[in-house]
Amino acid sequence: MYSLELSLRYSPFPIAIQKKEFEDVKRIYDEIKKSMNETIETSKLIELSCDKVQDKLIAVRAQEIISVQIYEKSSVAGGAKRPGFSLNID
């Protein structure tokens, strides 16, 4: 299961959906990135659905998204990789 997480302007809590296939979540990720690069006049509403919770629907304006990330949920070690952005310095 793959999670796509959005951070919104002026919101302390992220919005997340889950998809079973990486190709599905990657397609949505690319669409969101493209929408974020468009000008404010052409900003559109993005509707997302979740595979894990069938009735979960989310609609957000692309101009309100400040970051988007994908991470894989794993059943190993009690749940998931730690979400968020990290920097590995060796």
PDB file of N, CA and C in Angstrom:
ATOM      1  N   MET A   1       0.867  -1.174   0.000  1.00  0.00           N
ATOM      2  CA  MET A   1       0.000   0.000   0.000  1.00  0.00           C
ATOM      3  C   MET A   1       0.908   1.229   0.000  1.00  0.00           C
ATOM      4  N   TYR A   2       0.581   2.187  -0.848  1.00  0.00           N
ATOM      5  CA  TYR A   2       1.348   3.424  -0.970  1.00  0.00           C
ATOM      6  C   TYR A   2       0.492   4.592  -0.489  1.00  0.00           C
ATOM      7  N   SER A   3       1.107   5.485   0.258  1.00  0.00           N
ATOM      8  CA  SER A   3       0.412   6.672   0.750  1.00  0.00           C
ATOM      9  C   SER A   3       0.894   7.897   0.005  1.00  0.00           C
ATOM     10  N   LEU A   4      -0.043   8.769  -0.306  1.00  0.00           N
ATOM     11  CA  LEU A   4       0.255  10.067  -0.890  1.00  0.00           C
ATOM     12  C   LEU A   4      -0.211  11.095   0.125  1.00  0.00           C
ATOM     13  N   GLU A   5       0.694  11.934   0.539  1.00  0.00           N
ATOM     14  CA  GLU A   5       0.408  12.898   1.600  1.00  0.00           C
ATOM     15  C   GLU A   5       0.587  14.318   1.082  1.00  0.00           C
ATOM     16  N   LEU A   6      -0.387  15.163   1.374  1.00  0.00           N
ATOM     17  CA  LEU A   6      -0.356  16.567   0.965  1.00  0.00           C
ATOM     18  C   LEU A   6      -0.245  17.463   2.184  1.00  0.00           C
ATOM     19  N   SER A   7       0.592  18.473   2.090  1.00  0.00           N
ATOM     20  CA  SER A   7       0.629  19.529   3.101  1.00  0.00           C
ATOM     21  C   SER A   7      -0.039  20.747   2.490  1.00  0.00           C
ATOM     22  N   LEU A   8      -0.962  21.337   3.256  1.00  0.00           N
ATOM     23  CA  LEU A   8      -1.718  22.477   2.759  1.00  0.00           C
ATOM     24  C   LEU A   8      -1.309  23.757   3.466  1.00  0.00           C
ATOM     25  N   ARG A   9      -1.380  24.843   2.737  1.00  0.00           N
ATOM     26  CA  ARG A   9      -1.085  26.169   3.279  1.00  0.00           C
ATOM     27  C   ARG A   9      -2.007  26.445   4.475  1.00  0.00           C
ATOM     28  N   TYR A  10      -1.459  26.950   5.554  1.00  0.00           N
ATOM     29  CA  TYR A  10      -2.182  27.336   6.773  1.00  0.00           C
ATOM     30  C   TYR A  10      -2.856  26.160   7.493  1.00  0.00           C
ATOM     31  N   SER A  11      -2.428  24.948   7.222  1.00  0.00           N
ATOM     32  CA  SER A  11      -3.007  23.791   7.900  1.00  0.00           C
ATOM     33  C   SER A  11      -1.890  22.990   8.559  1.00  0.00           C
ATOM     34  N   PRO A  12      -1.992  22.755   9.845  1.00  0.00           N
ATOM     35  CA  PRO A  12      -0.933  22.010  10.529  1.00  0.00           C
ATOM     36  C   PRO A  12      -1.001  20.507  10.281  1.00  0.00           C
ATOM     37  N   PHE A  13      -2.106  20.018   9.740  1.00  0.00           N
ATOM     38  CA  PHE A  13      -2.274  18.583   9.559  1.00  0.00           C
ATOM     39  C   PHE A  13      -2.241  18.209   8.083  1.00  0.00           C
ATOM     40  N   PRO A  14      -1.490  17.176   7.727  1.00  0.00           N
ATOM     41  CA  PRO A  14      -1.459  16.740   6.325  1.00  0.00           C
ATOM     42  C   PRO A  14      -2.724  15.964   5.959  1.00  0.00           C
ATOM     43  N   ILE A  15      -2.974  15.867   4.669  1.00  0.00           N
ATOM     44  CA  ILE A  15      -4.056  15.058   4.124  1.00  0.00           C
ATOM     45  C   ILE A  15      -3.403  13.883   3.421  1.00  0.00           C
ATOM     46  N   ALA A  16      -3.927  12.675   3.631  1.00  0.00           N
ATOM     47  CA  ALA A  16      -3.304  11.496   3.026  1.00  0.00           C
ATOM     48  C   ALA A  16      -4.356  10.560   2.447  1.00  0.00           C
ATOM     49  N   ILE A  17      -3.981   9.906   1.350  1.00  0.00           N
ATOM     50  CA  ILE A  17      -4.783   8.825   0.784  1.00  0.00           C
ATOM     51  C   ILE A  17      -3.862   7.638   0.552  1.00  0.00           C
ATOM     52  N   GLN A  18      -4.447   6.460   0.399  1.00  0.00           N
ATOM     53  CA  GLN A  18      -3.674   5.256   0.136  1.00  0.00           C
ATOM     54  C   GLN A  18      -4.127   4.640  -1.188  1.00  0.00           C
ATOM     55  N   LYS A  19      -3.155   4.134  -1.931  1.00  0.00           N
ATOM     56  CA  LYS A  19      -3.410   3.424  -3.183  1.00  0.00           C
ATOM     57  C   LYS A  19      -2.641   2.106  -3.155  1.00  0.00           C
ATOM     58  N   LYS A  20      -3.226   1.093  -3.788  1.00  0.00           N
ATOM     59  CA  LYS A  20      -2.597  -0.231  -3.792  1.00  0.00           C
ATOM     60  C   LYS A  20      -1.401  -0.301  -4.721  1.00  0.00           C
ATOM     61  N   GLU A  21      -1.479   0.372  -5.860  1.00  0.00           N
ATOM     62  CA  GLU A  21      -0.436   0.281  -6.884  1.00  0.00           C
ATOM     63  C   GLU A  21       0.399   1.555  -6.942  1.00  0.00           C
ATOM     64  N   PHE A  22       1.713   1.381  -7.104  1.00  0.00           N
ATOM     65  CA  PHE A  22       2.612   2.526  -7.195  1.00  0.00           C
ATOM     66  C   PHE A  22       2.297   3.376  -8.422  1.00  0.00           C
ATOM     67  N   GLU A  23       1.923   2.747  -9.529  1.00  0.00           N
ATOM     68  CA  GLU A  23       1.619   3.484 -10.758  1.00  0.00           C
ATOM     69  C   GLU A  23       0.459   4.457 -10.544  1.00  0.00           C
ATOM     70  N   ASP A  24      -0.538   4.046  -9.773  1.00  0.00           N
ATOM     71  CA  ASP A  24      -1.687   4.914  -9.487  1.00  0.00           C
ATOM     72  C   ASP A  24      -1.272   6.132  -8.669  1.00  0.00           C
ATOM     73  N   VAL A  25      -0.508   5.897  -7.631  1.00  0.00           N
ATOM     74  CA  VAL A  25      -0.101   7.000  -6.753  1.00  0.00           C
ATOM     75  C   VAL A  25       0.897   7.911  -7.470  1.00  0.00           C
ATOM     76  N   LYS A  26       1.739   7.361  -8.311  1.00  0.00           N
ATOM     77  CA  LYS A  26       2.715   8.160  -9.067  1.00  0.00           C
ATOM     78  C   LYS A  26       2.001   9.043 -10.091  1.00  0.00           C
ATOM     79  N   ARG A  27       0.947   8.531 -10.732  1.00  0.00           N
ATOM     80  CA  ARG A  27       0.179   9.309 -11.697  1.00  0.00           C
ATOM     81  C   ARG A  27      -0.475  10.511 -11.004  1.00  0.00           C
ATOM     82  N   ILE A  28      -1.055  10.286  -9.819  1.00  0.00           N
ATOM     83  CA  ILE A  28      -1.676  11.371  -9.052  1.00  0.00           C
ATOM     84  C   ILE A  28      -0.619  12.384  -8.606  1.00  0.00           C
ATOM     85  N   TYR A  29       0.523  11.892  -8.148  1.00  0.00           N
ATOM     86  CA  TYR A  29       1.638  12.742  -7.729  1.00  0.00           C
ATOM     87  C   TYR A  29       2.065  13.663  -8.875  1.00  0.00           C
ATOM     88  N   ASP A  30       2.228  13.098 -10.072  1.00  0.00           N
ATOM     89  CA  ASP A  30       2.634  13.896 -11.234  1.00  0.00           C
ATOM     90  C   ASP A  30       1.574  14.922 -11.609  1.00  0.00           C
ATOM     91  N   GLU A  31       0.299  14.553 -11.513  1.00  0.00           N
ATOM     92  CA  GLU A  31      -0.793  15.482 -11.809  1.00  0.00           C
ATOM     93  C   GLU A  31      -0.792  16.643 -10.818  1.00  0.00           C
ATOM     94  N   ILE A  32      -0.569  16.346  -9.559  1.00  0.00           N
ATOM     95  CA  ILE A  32      -0.534  17.394  -8.534  1.00  0.00           C
ATOM     96  C   ILE A  32       0.651  18.325  -8.762  1.00  0.00           C
ATOM     97  N   LYS A  33       1.818  17.759  -9.066  1.00  0.00           N
ATOM     98  CA  LYS A  33       2.999  18.591  -9.338  1.00  0.00           C
ATOM     99  C   LYS A  33       2.742  19.517 -10.523  1.00  0.00           C
ATOM    100  N   LYS A  34       2.138  18.994 -11.571  1.00  0.00           N
ATOM    101  CA  LYS A  34       1.822  19.804 -12.751  1.00  0.00           C
ATOM    102  C   LYS A  34       0.861  20.933 -12.374  1.00  0.00           C
ATOM    103  N   SER A  35      -0.158  20.614 -11.586  1.00  0.00           N
ATOM    104  CA  SER A  35      -1.138  21.621 -11.172  1.00  0.00           C
ATOM    105  C   SER A  35      -0.512  22.682 -10.282  1.00  0.00           C
ATOM    106  N   MET A  36       0.444  22.295  -9.451  1.00  0.00           N
ATOM    107  CA  MET A  36       1.106  23.253  -8.568  1.00  0.00           C
ATOM    108  C   MET A  36       1.933  24.262  -9.368  1.00  0.00           C
ATOM    109  N   ASN A  37       2.427  23.854 -10.539  1.00  0.00           N
ATOM    110  CA  ASN A  37       3.246  24.725 -11.377  1.00  0.00           C
ATOM    111  C   ASN A  37       2.422  25.683 -12.229  1.00  0.00           C
ATOM    112  N   GLU A  38       1.134  25.450 -12.354  1.00  0.00           N
ATOM    113  CA  GLU A  38       0.286  26.327 -13.153  1.00  0.00           C
ATOM    114  C   GLU A  38       0.054  27.648 -12.424  1.00  0.00           C
ATOM    115  N   THR A  39      -0.329  28.653 -13.170  1.00  0.00           N
ATOM    116  CA  THR A  39      -0.567  29.965 -12.562  1.00  0.00           C
ATOM    117  C   THR A  39      -1.844  29.937 -11.729  1.00  0.00           C
ATOM    118  N   ILE A  40      -1.996  30.904 -10.873  1.00  0.00           N
ATOM    119  CA  ILE A  40      -3.147  30.972  -9.974  1.00  0.00           C
ATOM    120  C   ILE A  40      -4.454  31.072 -10.767  1.00  0.00           C
ATOM    121  N   GLU A  41      -4.435  31.768 -11.893  1.00  0.00           N
ATOM    122  CA  GLU A  41      -5.650  31.930 -12.691  1.00  0.00           C
ATOM    123  C   GLU A  41      -6.172  30.594 -13.216  1.00  0.00           C
ATOM    124  N   THR A  42      -5.268  29.635 -13.428  1.00  0.00           N
ATOM    125  CA  THR A  42      -5.689  28.345 -13.970  1.00  0.00           C
ATOM    126  C   THR A  42      -5.692  27.250 -12.905  1.00  0.00           C
ATOM    127  N   SER A  43      -5.509  27.644 -11.655  1.00  0.00           N
ATOM    128  CA  SER A  43      -5.497  26.662 -10.575  1.00  0.00           C
ATOM    129  C   SER A  43      -6.814  25.895 -10.555  1.00  0.00           C
ATOM    130  N   LYS A  44      -6.698  24.601 -10.367  1.00  0.00           N
ATOM    131  CA  LYS A  44      -7.901  23.784 -10.432  1.00  0.00           C
ATOM    132  C   LYS A  44      -8.139  23.024  -9.129  1.00  0.00           C
ATOM    133  N   LEU A  45      -9.294  22.429  -9.064  1.00  0.00           N
ATOM    134  CA  LEU A  45      -9.684  21.593  -7.937  1.00  0.00           C
ATOM    135  C   LEU A  45      -9.232  20.163  -8.231  1.00  0.00           C
ATOM    136  N   ILE A  46      -8.552  19.558  -7.292  1.00  0.00           N
ATOM    137  CA  ILE A  46      -8.073  18.188  -7.445  1.00  0.00           C
ATOM    138  C   ILE A  46      -8.889  17.304  -6.517  1.00  0.00           C
ATOM    139  N   GLU A  47      -9.480  16.262  -7.072  1.00  0.00           N
ATOM    140  CA  GLU A  47     -10.270  15.316  -6.272  1.00  0.00           C
ATOM    141  C   GLU A  47      -9.500  14.014  -6.151  1.00  0.00           C
ATOM    142  N   LEU A  48      -9.387  13.531  -4.926  1.00  0.00           N
ATOM    143  CA  LEU A  48      -8.637  12.307  -4.634  1.00  0.00           C
ATOM    144  C   LEU A  48      -9.548  11.293  -3.963  1.00  0.00           C
ATOM    145  N   SER A  49      -9.324  10.025  -4.266  1.00  0.00           N
ATOM    146  CA  SER A  49     -10.053   8.945  -3.596  1.00  0.00           C
ATOM    147  C   SER A  49      -9.039   7.986  -3.004  1.00  0.00           C
ATOM    148  N   CYS A  50      -9.479   7.228  -2.025  1.00  0.00           N
ATOM    149  CA  CYS A  50      -8.602   6.333  -1.273  1.00  0.00           C
ATOM    150  C   CYS A  50      -8.994   4.884  -1.530  1.00  0.00           C
ATOM    151  N   ASP A  51      -8.005   4.011  -1.741  1.00  0.00           N
ATOM    152  CA  ASP A  51      -8.273   2.586  -1.919  1.00  0.00           C
ATOM    153  C   ASP A  51      -8.532   1.889  -0.587  1.00  0.00           C
ATOM    154  N   LYS A  52      -7.904   2.386   0.483  1.00  0.00           N
ATOM    155  CA  LYS A  52      -8.042   1.734   1.785  1.00  0.00           C
ATOM    156  C   LYS A  52      -9.417   2.006   2.397  1.00  0.00           C
ATOM    157  N   VAL A  53      -9.860   3.247   2.360  1.00  0.00           N
ATOM    158  CA  VAL A  53     -11.168   3.639   2.882  1.00  0.00           C
ATOM    159  C   VAL A  53     -12.014   4.014   1.661  1.00  0.00           C
ATOM    160  N   GLN A  54     -12.869   3.119   1.231  1.00  0.00           N
ATOM    161  CA  GLN A  54     -13.578   3.260  -0.047  1.00  0.00           C
ATOM    162  C   GLN A  54     -14.406   4.529  -0.157  1.00  0.00           C
ATOM    163  N   ASP A  55     -15.013   4.998   0.906  1.00  0.00           N
ATOM    164  CA  ASP A  55     -15.878   6.173   0.857  1.00  0.00           C
ATOM    165  C   ASP A  55     -15.136   7.486   1.091  1.00  0.00           C
ATOM    166  N   LYS A  56     -13.823   7.450   1.181  1.00  0.00           N
ATOM    167  CA  LYS A  56     -13.040   8.649   1.461  1.00  0.00           C
ATOM    168  C   LYS A  56     -12.760   9.397   0.156  1.00  0.00           C
ATOM    169  N   LEU A  57     -13.257  10.621   0.074  1.00  0.00           N
ATOM    170  CA  LEU A  57     -13.015  11.509  -1.060  1.00  0.00           C
ATOM    171  C   LEU A  57     -12.495  12.837  -0.527  1.00  0.00           C
ATOM    172  N   ILE A  58     -11.497  13.390  -1.207  1.00  0.00           N
ATOM    173  CA  ILE A  58     -10.904  14.658  -0.799  1.00  0.00           C
ATOM    174  C   ILE A  58     -10.828  15.554  -2.031  1.00  0.00           C
ATOM    175  N   ALA A  59     -11.203  16.810  -1.885  1.00  0.00           N
ATOM    176  CA  ALA A  59     -11.050  17.792  -2.949  1.00  0.00           C
ATOM    177  C   ALA A  59     -10.274  18.979  -2.395  1.00  0.00           C
ATOM    178  N   VAL A  60      -9.209  19.361  -3.075  1.00  0.00           N
ATOM    179  CA  VAL A  60      -8.385  20.497  -2.651  1.00  0.00           C
ATOM    180  C   VAL A  60      -8.051  21.359  -3.865  1.00  0.00           C
ATOM    181  N   ARG A  61      -7.855  22.634  -3.610  1.00  0.00           N
ATOM    182  CA  ARG A  61      -7.398  23.526  -4.682  1.00  0.00           C
ATOM    183  C   ARG A  61      -5.899  23.370  -4.817  1.00  0.00           C
ATOM    184  N   ALA A  62      -5.433  23.233  -6.031  1.00  0.00           N
ATOM    185  CA  ALA A  62      -4.010  23.011  -6.282  1.00  0.00           C
ATOM    186  C   ALA A  62      -3.142  24.133  -5.726  1.00  0.00           C
ATOM    187  N   GLN A  63      -3.634  25.372  -5.748  1.00  0.00           N
ATOM    188  CA  GLN A  63      -2.824  26.491  -5.266  1.00  0.00           C
ATOM    189  C   GLN A  63      -2.612  26.456  -3.759  1.00  0.00           C
ATOM    190  N   GLU A  64      -3.388  25.666  -3.021  1.00  0.00           N
ATOM    191  CA  GLU A  64      -3.239  25.569  -1.565  1.00  0.00           C
ATOM    192  C   GLU A  64      -2.251  24.483  -1.144  1.00  0.00           C
ATOM    193  N   ILE A  65      -1.797  23.657  -2.076  1.00  0.00           N
ATOM    194  CA  ILE A  65      -0.856  22.572  -1.769  1.00  0.00           C
ATOM    195  C   ILE A  65       0.553  23.142  -1.741  1.00  0.00           C
ATOM    196  N   ILE A  66       1.277  22.886  -0.647  1.00  0.00           N
ATOM    197  CA  ILE A  66       2.650  23.378  -0.560  1.00  0.00           C
ATOM    198  C   ILE A  66       3.676  22.252  -0.681  1.00  0.00           C
ATOM    199  N   SER A  67       3.254  21.003  -0.436  1.00  0.00           N
ATOM    200  CA  SER A  67       4.162  19.873  -0.657  1.00  0.00           C
ATOM    201  C   SER A  67       3.347  18.602  -0.859  1.00  0.00           C
ATOM    202  N   VAL A  68       3.960  17.661  -1.545  1.00  0.00           N
ATOM    203  CA  VAL A  68       3.336  16.365  -1.792  1.00  0.00           C
ATOM    204  C   VAL A  68       4.428  15.303  -1.686  1.00  0.00           C
ATOM    205  N   GLN A  69       4.097  14.188  -1.087  1.00  0.00           N
ATOM    206  CA  GLN A  69       5.084  13.114  -0.955  1.00  0.00           C
ATOM    207  C   GLN A  69       4.407  11.754  -1.073  1.00  0.00           C
ATOM    208  N   ILE A  70       5.207  10.768  -1.469  1.00  0.00           N
ATOM    209  CA  ILE A  70       4.764   9.378  -1.565  1.00  0.00           C
ATOM    210  C   ILE A  70       5.630   8.567  -0.615  1.00  0.00           C
ATOM    211  N   TYR A  71       5.005   7.667   0.116  1.00  0.00           N
ATOM    212  CA  TYR A  71       5.784   6.703   0.893  1.00  0.00           C
ATOM    213  C   TYR A  71       5.037   5.388   0.930  1.00  0.00           C
ATOM    214  N   GLU A  72       5.790   4.318   1.133  1.00  0.00           N
ATOM    215  CA  GLU A  72       5.213   2.974   1.128  1.00  0.00           C
ATOM    216  C   GLU A  72       4.910   2.534   2.545  1.00  0.00           C
ATOM    217  N   LYS A  73       3.690   2.070   2.743  1.00  0.00           N
ATOM    218  CA  LYS A  73       3.326   1.474   4.030  1.00  0.00           C
ATOM    219  C   LYS A  73       3.792   0.035   4.009  1.00  0.00           C
ATOM    220  N   SER A  74       4.326  -0.419   5.104  1.00  0.00           N
ATOM    221  CA  SER A  74       4.863  -1.765   5.175  1.00  0.00           C
ATOM    222  C   SER A  74       4.278  -2.476   6.392  1.00  0.00           C
ATOM    223  N   SER A  75       4.033  -3.763   6.270  1.00  0.00           N
ATOM    224  CA  SER A  75       3.519  -4.523   7.406  1.00  0.00           C
ATOM    225  C   SER A  75       4.651  -4.984   8.319  1.00  0.00           C
ATOM    226  N   VAL A  76       5.871  -4.769   7.920  1.00  0.00           N
ATOM    227  CA  VAL A  76       7.035  -5.150   8.712  1.00  0.00           C
ATOM    228  C   VAL A  76       7.261  -4.118   9.817  1.00  0.00           C
ATOM    229  N   ALA A  77       7.629  -4.558  10.965  1.00  0.00           N
ATOM    230  CA  ALA A  77       7.994  -3.700  12.098  1.00  0.00           C
ATOM    231  C   ALA A  77       6.859  -2.787  12.536  1.00  0.00           C
ATOM    232  N   GLY A  78       5.658  -3.289  12.516  1.00  0.00           N
ATOM    233  CA  GLY A  78       4.563  -2.576  13.134  1.00  0.00           C
ATOM    234  C   GLY A  78       3.949  -1.438  12.366  1.00  0.00           C
ATOM    235  N   GLY A  79       4.113  -1.360  11.063  1.00  0.00           N
ATOM    236  CA  GLY A  79       3.336  -0.324  10.406  1.00  0.00           C
ATOM    237  C   GLY A  79       3.918   0.247   9.148  1.00  0.00           C
ATOM    238  N   ALA A  80       4.700   1.301   9.280  1.00  0.00           N
ATOM    239  CA  ALA A  80       5.082   2.020   8.071  1.00  0.00           C
ATOM    240  C   ALA A  80       6.462   2.622   8.215  1.00  0.00           C
ATOM    241  N   LYS A  81       7.006   2.982   7.073  1.00  0.00           N
ATOM    242  CA  LYS A  81       8.195   3.809   7.103  1.00  0.00           C
ATOM    243  C   LYS A  81       7.780   5.141   7.698  1.00  0.00           C
ATOM    244  N   ARG A  82       8.678   5.789   8.339  1.00  0.00           N
ATOM    245  CA  ARG A  82       8.358   7.072   8.950  1.00  0.00           C
ATOM    246  C   ARG A  82       8.071   8.094   7.858  1.00  0.00           C
ATOM    247  N   PRO A  83       6.870   8.690   7.851  1.00  0.00           N
ATOM    248  CA  PRO A  83       6.554   9.698   6.842  1.00  0.00           C
ATOM    249  C   PRO A  83       7.326  10.976   7.097  1.00  0.00           C
ATOM    250  N   GLY A  84       7.412  11.771   6.088  1.00  0.00           N
ATOM    251  CA  GLY A  84       8.106  13.044   6.198  1.00  0.00           C
ATOM    252  C   GLY A  84       9.340  13.048   5.331  1.00  0.00           C
ATOM    253  N   PHE A  85       9.981  14.167   5.285  1.00  0.00           N
ATOM    254  CA  PHE A  85      11.184  14.301   4.473  1.00  0.00           C
ATOM    255  C   PHE A  85      12.387  14.184   5.389  1.00  0.00           C
ATOM    256  N   SER A  86      13.396  13.480   4.936  1.00  0.00           N
ATOM    257  CA  SER A  86      14.583  13.315   5.764  1.00  0.00           C
ATOM    258  C   SER A  86      15.827  13.484   4.908  1.00  0.00           C
ATOM    259  N   LEU A  87      16.909  13.773   5.551  1.00  0.00           N
ATOM    260  CA  LEU A  87      18.189  13.952   4.895  1.00  0.00           C
ATOM    261  C   LEU A  87      19.161  12.961   5.501  1.00  0.00           C
ATOM    262  N   ASN A  88      19.708  12.091   4.663  1.00  0.00           N
ATOM    263  CA  ASN A  88      20.687  11.114   5.139  1.00  0.00           C
ATOM    264  C   ASN A  88      22.082  11.609   4.790  1.00  0.00           C
ATOM    265  N   ILE A  89      22.859  11.883   5.803  1.00  0.00           N
ATOM    266  CA  ILE A  89      24.230  12.340   5.618  1.00  0.00           C
ATOM    267  C   ILE A  89      25.160  11.256   6.132  1.00  0.00           C
ATOM    268  N   ASP A  90      25.982  10.761   5.247  1.00  0.00           N
ATOM    269  CA  ASP A  90      26.946   9.701   5.631  1.00  0.00           C
ATOM    270  C   ASP A  90      28.326  10.263   5.812  1.00  0.00           C
TER     271      ASP A  90
END
